[in-house]
Protein backbone atom coordinates (compact mmCIF):
# COMPACT_ATOMS: atom_id res chain seq x y z
CA MET A 1 109.99 68.46 82.19
CA PHE A 2 110.71 68.30 85.93
CA ASN A 3 112.48 64.95 85.86
CA SER A 4 115.82 66.57 86.61
CA ILE A 5 114.66 68.27 89.84
CA GLY A 6 115.73 66.17 92.79
CA PRO A 7 115.65 66.58 96.55
CA LEU A 8 118.98 68.42 96.62
CA GLU A 9 117.73 71.08 94.21
CA ILE A 10 114.55 71.54 96.24
CA ILE A 11 116.59 71.97 99.44
CA VAL A 12 118.80 74.57 97.74
CA VAL A 13 115.77 76.53 96.55
CA VAL A 14 114.18 76.45 100.02
CA VAL A 15 117.41 77.67 101.65
CA ILE A 16 117.68 80.53 99.14
CA LEU A 17 114.05 81.50 99.79
CA LEU A 18 114.67 81.47 103.54
CA LEU A 19 117.69 83.73 103.09
CA ILE A 20 115.82 86.18 100.88
CA PHE A 21 112.45 86.38 102.63
CA GLY A 22 113.20 85.17 106.16
CA PRO A 23 111.26 82.69 108.26
CA LYS A 24 108.58 85.19 109.29
CA ARG A 25 107.44 86.11 105.77
CA LEU A 26 107.77 82.68 104.15
CA PRO A 27 104.39 81.25 105.35
CA GLY A 28 102.54 84.34 104.09
CA LEU A 29 104.36 84.08 100.78
CA GLY A 30 103.38 80.42 100.44
CA LYS A 31 99.77 81.27 101.23
CA SER A 32 99.75 84.03 98.60
CA VAL A 33 101.24 81.72 95.97
CA GLY A 34 98.70 79.01 96.83
CA THR A 35 95.81 81.46 96.59
CA GLY A 36 97.08 82.76 93.27
CA LEU A 37 97.48 79.26 91.86
CA ARG A 38 93.98 78.32 93.04
CA GLU A 39 92.48 81.41 91.38
CA PHE A 40 94.41 80.73 88.20
CA LYS A 41 93.24 77.11 88.14
CA ASP A 42 89.64 78.19 88.75
CA SER A 43 89.78 80.74 85.95
CA ILE A 44 91.17 78.16 83.52
CA GLY A 45 88.69 75.46 84.59
CA GLY A 46 85.67 77.75 84.53
CA ASP A 47 84.21 76.71 87.91
CA LYS A 48 81.97 79.71 88.51
CA GLY A 49 79.74 78.29 91.27
CA ASP A 50 82.68 77.08 93.32
CA LYS A 51 84.48 80.42 93.03
CA ASP A 52 82.26 82.14 95.59
CA GLN A 53 82.95 79.38 98.11
CA HIS A 54 86.73 79.80 97.62
CA ARG A 55 86.40 83.56 98.12
CA ALA A 56 84.44 83.06 101.35
CA ASP A 57 87.07 80.61 102.61
CA ALA A 58 89.90 82.98 101.65
CA ALA A 59 88.17 85.91 103.36
CA ALA A 60 87.82 83.91 106.57
CA ASP A 61 91.50 82.93 106.41
CA ASP A 62 92.63 86.50 105.73
CA ALA A 63 91.29 87.88 109.01
CA PRO A 64 93.81 90.31 110.48
CA PRO A 65 96.02 88.75 113.15
CA ALA A 66 95.89 89.99 116.71
CA ALA A 67 98.09 92.98 117.43
CA PRO A 68 101.35 92.06 119.18
CA ALA A 69 101.83 93.27 122.73
CA ALA A 70 103.62 96.59 122.94
CA LEU A 71 107.17 96.31 124.20
CA PRO A 72 108.21 98.75 126.92
CA THR A 73 110.54 101.40 125.61
CA ALA A 74 113.06 103.49 127.47
CA PRO A 75 112.40 107.23 127.54
CA ALA A 76 114.56 109.33 125.26
CA PRO A 77 117.53 110.96 126.98
CA LYS A 78 117.08 114.65 127.66
CA VAL A 79 119.46 116.93 125.80
CA PRO A 80 120.19 120.25 127.49
CA ALA A 81 119.15 123.26 125.46
CA ALA A 82 121.89 125.52 124.11
CA ASP A 83 122.29 128.77 126.02
CA PRO A 84 121.90 131.62 123.50
CA VAL A 85 123.88 134.03 125.68
CA SER A 86 126.95 131.80 125.79
CA ALA A 87 126.70 131.19 122.03
CA ASP A 88 126.71 134.96 121.42
CA ALA A 89 129.69 135.38 123.74
CA ALA A 90 131.59 132.66 121.87
CA ASP A 91 130.85 134.38 118.55
CA LYS A 92 132.13 137.70 119.88
CA ALA A 93 135.28 136.06 121.25
CA ARG A 94 136.00 134.44 117.87
CA SER A 95 135.39 137.65 115.96
CA SER A 96 137.63 139.68 118.31
CA LYS A 97 140.46 137.13 117.95
CA SER A 98 140.27 137.12 114.17
CA GLY A 99 139.95 140.91 114.06
CA ALA A 100 142.96 141.46 116.34
CA GLY A 101 145.31 139.51 114.06
CA ALA A 102 144.31 141.50 110.96
């Protein structure tokens, strides 16, 4: 069935996966696929006693990673507040200009 898959095809698939998922998410994706395949194989084989050991191993491996260090951020620039008095004066000036031409 897989006799026609050669090294070139595997390289093409890996490059496509890197482009789609990126190098940061690819190891996690591989781990998820491996865990899923292991669970599938265990369910087909019927190893019930060994299943608890796999779950314990998976739980130990799935420990949350350490939080990354916070990067310093620049404070947001301050925007001056609009002056309501000057806004009202501008409205009156516009209305007087449009009213004078009518």
